[in-house]
Amino acid sequence: MPRPVRNNTFKIWLEPGIDATLRRYCEETGVSINAFVRYAIGSTLTTMTKADARDVPTQKEIYGRLSEQAITLRLSPYERRCLEAMAGRLLMERKRSYARLVRYCISRACRQISFSGDGSHREQSPAPACEGSPLPSAS
């Protein structure tokens, strides 16, 4: 009998502006936060290079700028391994690398979304169409 796949749960704290943009976008479009984060991780991991690693802020650089409200993410073991592999390729220390990478992926995706003054949104990149993970298959 195959073992059930257990998802990993992470709590991530974001900067208040990024958190507000994420929540507003998800509320207006009906996309769940977890689906948006999976899309952000998938799109960033496929395009990120070692040069981009300098843009990933350390915990020391963002200390005191994070909101008090955390988002809870559920990632599959495959998605977690993808994050581990990316952290290894970018030569990041393992300590807090998940939070740093996920926070960077979310902020990068939120920067691509712009909101006009009347409250409606314009999209500059494709949005996730469903709840499924956009990461490549594990085959």
N, C-alpha and C. Protein backbone atom coordinates (compact mmCIF):
# COMPACT_ATOMS: atom_id res chain seq x y z
N MET A 1 0.85 -1.18 0.00
CA MET A 1 0.00 0.00 0.00
C MET A 1 0.89 1.24 0.00
N PRO A 2 0.71 2.16 -0.95
CA PRO A 2 1.56 3.35 -1.00
C PRO A 2 1.30 4.27 0.18
N ARG A 3 2.39 4.88 0.63
CA ARG A 3 2.28 5.83 1.75
C ARG A 3 1.62 7.11 1.26
N PRO A 4 0.80 7.72 2.10
CA PRO A 4 0.18 8.98 1.70
C PRO A 4 1.24 10.09 1.63
N VAL A 5 1.06 10.98 0.69
CA VAL A 5 1.99 12.10 0.53
C VAL A 5 1.66 13.14 1.59
N ARG A 6 2.66 13.51 2.36
CA ARG A 6 2.45 14.50 3.40
C ARG A 6 3.01 15.83 2.93
N ASN A 7 2.20 16.84 3.01
CA ASN A 7 2.64 18.18 2.65
C ASN A 7 3.39 18.81 3.81
N ASN A 8 4.33 19.67 3.49
CA ASN A 8 5.06 20.41 4.50
C ASN A 8 4.36 21.75 4.70
N THR A 9 4.24 22.18 5.93
CA THR A 9 3.59 23.43 6.23
C THR A 9 4.64 24.43 6.70
N PHE A 10 4.62 25.61 6.11
CA PHE A 10 5.55 26.67 6.46
C PHE A 10 4.77 27.93 6.80
N LYS A 11 5.28 28.71 7.74
CA LYS A 11 4.73 30.04 8.01
C LYS A 11 5.72 31.04 7.47
N ILE A 12 5.22 31.97 6.68
CA ILE A 12 6.07 32.98 6.05
C ILE A 12 5.52 34.35 6.41
N TRP A 13 6.41 35.22 6.86
CA TRP A 13 6.05 36.60 7.12
C TRP A 13 6.57 37.45 5.97
N LEU A 14 5.72 38.37 5.50
CA LEU A 14 6.07 39.23 4.37
C LEU A 14 6.14 40.68 4.82
N GLU A 15 6.71 41.51 3.96
CA GLU A 15 6.67 42.94 4.22
C GLU A 15 5.23 43.40 4.06
N PRO A 16 4.78 44.40 4.81
CA PRO A 16 3.36 44.80 4.76
C PRO A 16 2.86 45.18 3.37
N GLY A 17 3.63 45.86 2.56
CA GLY A 17 3.19 46.23 1.21
C GLY A 17 3.00 45.02 0.32
N ILE A 18 3.91 44.08 0.39
CA ILE A 18 3.82 42.85 -0.41
C ILE A 18 2.63 42.02 0.07
N ASP A 19 2.47 41.92 1.38
CA ASP A 19 1.35 41.17 1.95
C ASP A 19 0.02 41.76 1.50
N ALA A 20 -0.10 43.09 1.52
CA ALA A 20 -1.34 43.74 1.09
C ALA A 20 -1.61 43.50 -0.39
N THR A 21 -0.57 43.60 -1.22
CA THR A 21 -0.72 43.36 -2.65
C THR A 21 -1.17 41.93 -2.92
N LEU A 22 -0.54 40.98 -2.25
CA LEU A 22 -0.89 39.57 -2.41
C LEU A 22 -2.34 39.32 -2.03
N ARG A 23 -2.74 39.79 -0.88
CA ARG A 23 -4.10 39.54 -0.40
C ARG A 23 -5.15 40.25 -1.28
N ARG A 24 -4.85 41.47 -1.72
CA ARG A 24 -5.78 42.20 -2.57
C ARG A 24 -5.95 41.49 -3.91
N TYR A 25 -4.84 41.05 -4.50
CA TYR A 25 -4.90 40.35 -5.78
C TYR A 25 -5.70 39.06 -5.64
N CYS A 26 -5.43 38.30 -4.60
CA CYS A 26 -6.14 37.02 -4.40
C CYS A 26 -7.62 37.26 -4.15
N GLU A 27 -7.96 38.31 -3.42
CA GLU A 27 -9.36 38.61 -3.15
C GLU A 27 -10.09 39.04 -4.42
N GLU A 28 -9.46 39.86 -5.24
CA GLU A 28 -10.11 40.36 -6.45
C GLU A 28 -10.24 39.30 -7.54
N THR A 29 -9.28 38.41 -7.64
CA THR A 29 -9.31 37.41 -8.71
C THR A 29 -9.91 36.08 -8.28
N GLY A 30 -10.02 35.83 -6.99
CA GLY A 30 -10.55 34.56 -6.51
C GLY A 30 -9.52 33.45 -6.47
N VAL A 31 -8.26 33.77 -6.70
CA VAL A 31 -7.19 32.78 -6.63
C VAL A 31 -6.80 32.61 -5.17
N SER A 32 -6.60 31.38 -4.73
CA SER A 32 -6.19 31.17 -3.34
C SER A 32 -4.74 31.63 -3.16
N ILE A 33 -4.41 31.97 -1.93
CA ILE A 33 -3.05 32.42 -1.62
C ILE A 33 -2.06 31.31 -1.92
N ASN A 34 -2.41 30.08 -1.58
CA ASN A 34 -1.50 28.96 -1.81
C ASN A 34 -1.25 28.76 -3.31
N ALA A 35 -2.29 28.92 -4.14
CA ALA A 35 -2.11 28.78 -5.59
C ALA A 35 -1.21 29.89 -6.13
N PHE A 36 -1.40 31.11 -5.65
CA PHE A 36 -0.57 32.22 -6.07
C PHE A 36 0.90 31.98 -5.70
N VAL A 37 1.12 31.50 -4.47
CA VAL A 37 2.49 31.25 -4.01
C VAL A 37 3.13 30.13 -4.82
N ARG A 38 2.38 29.08 -5.12
CA ARG A 38 2.92 28.00 -5.94
C ARG A 38 3.29 28.50 -7.34
N TYR A 39 2.45 29.36 -7.89
CA TYR A 39 2.75 29.96 -9.19
C TYR A 39 4.03 30.80 -9.09
N ALA A 40 4.12 31.61 -8.05
CA ALA A 40 5.28 32.49 -7.86
C ALA A 40 6.56 31.66 -7.72
N ILE A 41 6.50 30.60 -6.95
CA ILE A 41 7.67 29.75 -6.76
C ILE A 41 8.05 29.09 -8.08
N GLY A 42 7.07 28.52 -8.77
CA GLY A 42 7.35 27.84 -10.03
C GLY A 42 7.94 28.76 -11.08
N SER A 43 7.38 29.95 -11.21
CA SER A 43 7.89 30.87 -12.24
C SER A 43 9.27 31.41 -11.87
N THR A 44 9.52 31.61 -10.60
CA THR A 44 10.83 32.14 -10.19
C THR A 44 11.90 31.07 -10.29
N LEU A 45 11.60 29.86 -9.86
CA LEU A 45 12.62 28.80 -9.88
C LEU A 45 13.05 28.44 -11.29
N THR A 46 12.16 28.63 -12.26
CA THR A 46 12.54 28.30 -13.64
C THR A 46 13.37 29.39 -14.30
N THR A 47 13.33 30.61 -13.77
CA THR A 47 14.04 31.71 -14.41
C THR A 47 15.16 32.29 -13.57
N MET A 48 15.31 31.87 -12.34
CA MET A 48 16.30 32.47 -11.44
C MET A 48 17.71 31.98 -11.74
N THR A 49 18.68 32.90 -11.67
CA THR A 49 20.08 32.57 -11.92
C THR A 49 20.90 32.90 -10.67
N LYS A 50 22.16 32.52 -10.70
CA LYS A 50 23.04 32.82 -9.56
C LYS A 50 23.18 34.32 -9.35
N ALA A 51 23.12 35.09 -10.42
CA ALA A 51 23.20 36.55 -10.29
C ALA A 51 22.00 37.10 -9.52
N ASP A 52 20.85 36.45 -9.65
CA ASP A 52 19.65 36.88 -8.92
C ASP A 52 19.76 36.61 -7.43
N ALA A 53 20.64 35.70 -7.03
CA ALA A 53 20.78 35.35 -5.62
C ALA A 53 21.19 36.55 -4.78
N ARG A 54 21.87 37.50 -5.39
CA ARG A 54 22.25 38.71 -4.64
C ARG A 54 21.03 39.54 -4.28
N ASP A 55 19.92 39.38 -5.00
CA ASP A 55 18.70 40.13 -4.72
C ASP A 55 17.88 39.53 -3.60
N VAL A 56 18.18 38.30 -3.20
CA VAL A 56 17.43 37.64 -2.13
C VAL A 56 17.93 38.21 -0.80
N PRO A 57 17.09 38.98 -0.10
CA PRO A 57 17.56 39.60 1.14
C PRO A 57 17.74 38.58 2.25
N THR A 58 18.72 38.82 3.09
CA THR A 58 18.95 37.97 4.25
C THR A 58 17.99 38.38 5.36
N GLN A 59 17.89 37.55 6.37
CA GLN A 59 17.02 37.85 7.51
C GLN A 59 17.49 39.14 8.20
N LYS A 60 18.78 39.34 8.24
CA LYS A 60 19.34 40.52 8.88
C LYS A 60 18.93 41.80 8.14
N GLU A 61 18.85 41.74 6.82
CA GLU A 61 18.51 42.90 6.02
C GLU A 61 17.04 43.31 6.14
N ILE A 62 16.16 42.35 6.44
CA ILE A 62 14.74 42.67 6.51
C ILE A 62 14.22 42.67 7.94
N TYR A 63 15.08 42.53 8.89
CA TYR A 63 14.66 42.47 10.29
C TYR A 63 13.88 43.73 10.65
N GLY A 64 12.71 43.56 11.23
CA GLY A 64 11.89 44.67 11.66
C GLY A 64 10.95 45.21 10.60
N ARG A 65 11.06 44.74 9.37
CA ARG A 65 10.20 45.24 8.30
C ARG A 65 9.07 44.28 7.95
N LEU A 66 8.96 43.17 8.65
CA LEU A 66 7.95 42.17 8.31
C LEU A 66 6.65 42.43 9.07
N SER A 67 5.53 42.08 8.44
CA SER A 67 4.23 42.29 9.08
C SER A 67 4.05 41.27 10.20
N GLU A 68 3.08 41.53 11.03
CA GLU A 68 2.82 40.63 12.16
C GLU A 68 1.98 39.43 11.74
N GLN A 69 1.28 39.53 10.63
CA GLN A 69 0.41 38.46 10.17
C GLN A 69 1.18 37.57 9.20
N ALA A 70 1.20 36.27 9.49
CA ALA A 70 1.91 35.32 8.64
C ALA A 70 0.95 34.64 7.68
N ILE A 71 1.48 34.13 6.58
CA ILE A 71 0.70 33.28 5.70
C ILE A 71 1.20 31.85 5.89
N THR A 72 0.30 30.92 5.85
CA THR A 72 0.65 29.52 6.02
C THR A 72 0.60 28.84 4.67
N LEU A 73 1.68 28.17 4.31
CA LEU A 73 1.79 27.50 3.01
C LEU A 73 1.89 26.00 3.20
N ARG A 74 1.29 25.28 2.28
CA ARG A 74 1.45 23.83 2.23
C ARG A 74 2.16 23.50 0.93
N LEU A 75 3.35 22.94 1.04
CA LEU A 75 4.11 22.56 -0.13
C LEU A 75 4.30 21.05 -0.12
N SER A 76 4.25 20.47 -1.31
CA SER A 76 4.45 19.02 -1.42
C SER A 76 5.94 18.71 -1.21
N PRO A 77 6.26 17.46 -0.92
CA PRO A 77 7.67 17.10 -0.77
C PRO A 77 8.48 17.42 -2.02
N TYR A 78 7.89 17.28 -3.20
CA TYR A 78 8.59 17.61 -4.44
C TYR A 78 8.91 19.10 -4.51
N GLU A 79 7.93 19.93 -4.15
CA GLU A 79 8.16 21.38 -4.16
C GLU A 79 9.24 21.77 -3.15
N ARG A 80 9.24 21.11 -1.99
CA ARG A 80 10.26 21.37 -0.98
C ARG A 80 11.64 20.99 -1.52
N ARG A 81 11.74 19.86 -2.21
CA ARG A 81 13.03 19.46 -2.78
C ARG A 81 13.49 20.44 -3.86
N CYS A 82 12.54 20.99 -4.63
CA CYS A 82 12.89 22.01 -5.62
C CYS A 82 13.48 23.25 -4.94
N LEU A 83 12.89 23.65 -3.83
CA LEU A 83 13.43 24.78 -3.08
C LEU A 83 14.81 24.47 -2.53
N GLU A 84 15.00 23.26 -2.01
CA GLU A 84 16.32 22.85 -1.50
C GLU A 84 17.36 22.88 -2.61
N ALA A 85 17.00 22.36 -3.77
CA ALA A 85 17.93 22.34 -4.90
C ALA A 85 18.29 23.75 -5.33
N MET A 86 17.30 24.64 -5.38
CA MET A 86 17.57 26.02 -5.76
C MET A 86 18.48 26.70 -4.74
N ALA A 87 18.23 26.48 -3.46
CA ALA A 87 19.08 27.06 -2.43
C ALA A 87 20.52 26.55 -2.56
N GLY A 88 20.66 25.28 -2.90
CA GLY A 88 22.00 24.72 -3.10
C GLY A 88 22.70 25.30 -4.31
N ARG A 89 21.95 25.47 -5.43
CA ARG A 89 22.55 26.06 -6.63
C ARG A 89 22.96 27.51 -6.41
N LEU A 90 22.20 28.21 -5.58
CA LEU A 90 22.50 29.62 -5.32
C LEU A 90 23.51 29.80 -4.19
N LEU A 91 24.00 28.69 -3.66
CA LEU A 91 24.98 28.69 -2.59
C LEU A 91 24.49 29.43 -1.36
N MET A 92 23.20 29.27 -1.06
CA MET A 92 22.62 29.90 0.11
C MET A 92 22.84 28.99 1.31
N GLU A 93 23.05 29.59 2.47
CA GLU A 93 23.14 28.77 3.67
C GLU A 93 21.76 28.18 3.95
N ARG A 94 21.74 27.00 4.53
CA ARG A 94 20.47 26.31 4.73
C ARG A 94 19.56 27.00 5.74
N LYS A 95 20.13 27.75 6.64
CA LYS A 95 19.35 28.39 7.69
C LYS A 95 18.38 29.39 7.08
N ARG A 96 17.10 29.15 7.26
CA ARG A 96 16.02 30.01 6.79
C ARG A 96 15.98 30.18 5.28
N SER A 97 16.56 29.27 4.54
CA SER A 97 16.59 29.41 3.08
C SER A 97 15.19 29.27 2.49
N TYR A 98 14.32 28.42 3.07
CA TYR A 98 12.96 28.28 2.56
C TYR A 98 12.24 29.62 2.64
N ALA A 99 12.26 30.21 3.82
CA ALA A 99 11.54 31.48 4.02
C ALA A 99 12.11 32.56 3.11
N ARG A 100 13.42 32.62 2.99
CA ARG A 100 14.04 33.64 2.15
C ARG A 100 13.65 33.46 0.69
N LEU A 101 13.72 32.23 0.18
CA LEU A 101 13.38 31.98 -1.21
C LEU A 101 11.90 32.22 -1.49
N VAL A 102 11.03 31.73 -0.62
CA VAL A 102 9.60 31.91 -0.83
C VAL A 102 9.24 33.38 -0.75
N ARG A 103 9.79 34.09 0.22
CA ARG A 103 9.53 35.52 0.34
C ARG A 103 9.99 36.27 -0.91
N TYR A 104 11.14 35.89 -1.45
CA TYR A 104 11.65 36.52 -2.67
C TYR A 104 10.74 36.21 -3.85
N CYS A 105 10.30 34.96 -3.97
CA CYS A 105 9.40 34.56 -5.08
C CYS A 105 8.10 35.35 -5.03
N ILE A 106 7.52 35.48 -3.84
CA ILE A 106 6.26 36.21 -3.70
C ILE A 106 6.45 37.68 -4.03
N SER A 107 7.50 38.28 -3.51
CA SER A 107 7.71 39.72 -3.76
C SER A 107 7.99 39.97 -5.24
N ARG A 108 8.69 39.06 -5.89
CA ARG A 108 8.96 39.21 -7.32
C ARG A 108 7.66 39.12 -8.13
N ALA A 109 6.79 38.17 -7.77
CA ALA A 109 5.51 38.04 -8.47
C ALA A 109 4.60 39.23 -8.19
N CYS A 110 4.62 39.73 -6.97
CA CYS A 110 3.77 40.88 -6.63
C CYS A 110 4.25 42.15 -7.33
N ARG A 111 5.54 42.26 -7.58
CA ARG A 111 6.05 43.42 -8.31
C ARG A 111 5.57 43.43 -9.75
N GLN A 112 5.25 42.25 -10.29
CA GLN A 112 4.78 42.15 -11.66
C GLN A 112 3.31 42.54 -11.79
N ILE A 113 2.61 42.59 -10.68
CA ILE A 113 1.20 42.95 -10.68
C ILE A 113 1.10 44.44 -10.37
N SER A 114 0.38 45.16 -11.20
CA SER A 114 0.20 46.58 -10.89
C SER A 114 -1.29 46.85 -10.71
N PHE A 115 -1.60 47.71 -9.78
CA PHE A 115 -2.98 48.09 -9.50
C PHE A 115 -3.17 49.54 -9.90
N SER A 116 -4.23 49.80 -10.62
CA SER A 116 -4.52 51.18 -11.02
C SER A 116 -5.23 51.90 -9.87
N GLY A 117 -5.37 53.18 -9.98
CA GLY A 117 -5.95 53.99 -8.92
C GLY A 117 -7.41 53.70 -8.63
N ASP A 118 -8.17 53.16 -9.59
CA ASP A 118 -9.59 52.94 -9.36
C ASP A 118 -9.88 51.60 -8.68
N GLY A 119 -8.84 50.87 -8.32
CA GLY A 119 -9.04 49.61 -7.61
C GLY A 119 -9.05 48.40 -8.51
N SER A 120 -9.22 48.59 -9.80
CA SER A 120 -9.17 47.43 -10.69
C SER A 120 -7.70 47.09 -10.93
N HIS A 121 -7.45 45.88 -11.33
CA HIS A 121 -6.05 45.47 -11.51
C HIS A 121 -5.77 45.18 -12.97
N ARG A 122 -4.52 45.41 -13.32
CA ARG A 122 -4.01 45.02 -14.62
C ARG A 122 -2.91 44.01 -14.37
N GLU A 123 -2.90 43.00 -15.16
CA GLU A 123 -1.91 41.97 -15.00
C GLU A 123 -0.81 42.13 -16.03
N GLN A 124 0.43 42.02 -15.59
CA GLN A 124 1.54 42.12 -16.52
C GLN A 124 2.15 40.76 -16.81
N SER A 125 1.72 39.75 -16.11
CA SER A 125 2.21 38.40 -16.35
C SER A 125 1.04 37.44 -16.19
N PRO A 126 1.15 36.23 -16.74
CA PRO A 126 0.04 35.29 -16.62
C PRO A 126 -0.19 34.89 -15.18
N ALA A 127 -1.43 34.76 -14.79
CA ALA A 127 -1.80 34.36 -13.43
C ALA A 127 -2.06 32.87 -13.39
N PRO A 128 -1.98 32.28 -12.21
CA PRO A 128 -2.30 30.87 -12.11
C PRO A 128 -3.76 30.62 -12.45
N ALA A 129 -4.00 29.60 -13.23
CA ALA A 129 -5.37 29.33 -13.68
C ALA A 129 -6.11 28.40 -12.75
N CYS A 130 -5.39 27.65 -11.94
CA CYS A 130 -6.06 26.69 -11.08
C CYS A 130 -5.26 26.49 -9.81
N GLU A 131 -5.75 25.62 -8.97
CA GLU A 131 -5.12 25.33 -7.70
C GLU A 131 -3.86 24.47 -7.84
N GLY A 132 -3.65 23.84 -8.97
CA GLY A 132 -2.54 22.93 -9.16
C GLY A 132 -1.20 23.64 -9.15
N SER A 133 -0.17 22.90 -8.86
CA SER A 133 1.17 23.47 -8.82
C SER A 133 1.73 23.66 -10.22
N PRO A 134 2.31 24.82 -10.53
CA PRO A 134 2.87 25.03 -11.85
C PRO A 134 4.28 24.47 -11.99
N LEU A 135 4.80 23.85 -10.94
CA LEU A 135 6.15 23.30 -11.03
C LEU A 135 6.17 22.13 -12.00
N PRO A 136 7.31 21.87 -12.62
CA PRO A 136 7.39 20.76 -13.56
C PRO A 136 7.10 19.43 -12.86
N SER A 137 6.66 18.46 -13.62
CA SER A 137 6.32 17.18 -13.04
C SER A 137 7.56 16.48 -12.50
N ALA A 138 7.34 15.59 -11.54
CA ALA A 138 8.44 14.90 -10.87
C ALA A 138 8.98 13.72 -11.67
N SER A 139 8.49 13.49 -12.86
CA SER A 139 8.91 12.31 -13.63
C SER A 139 10.30 12.44 -14.19
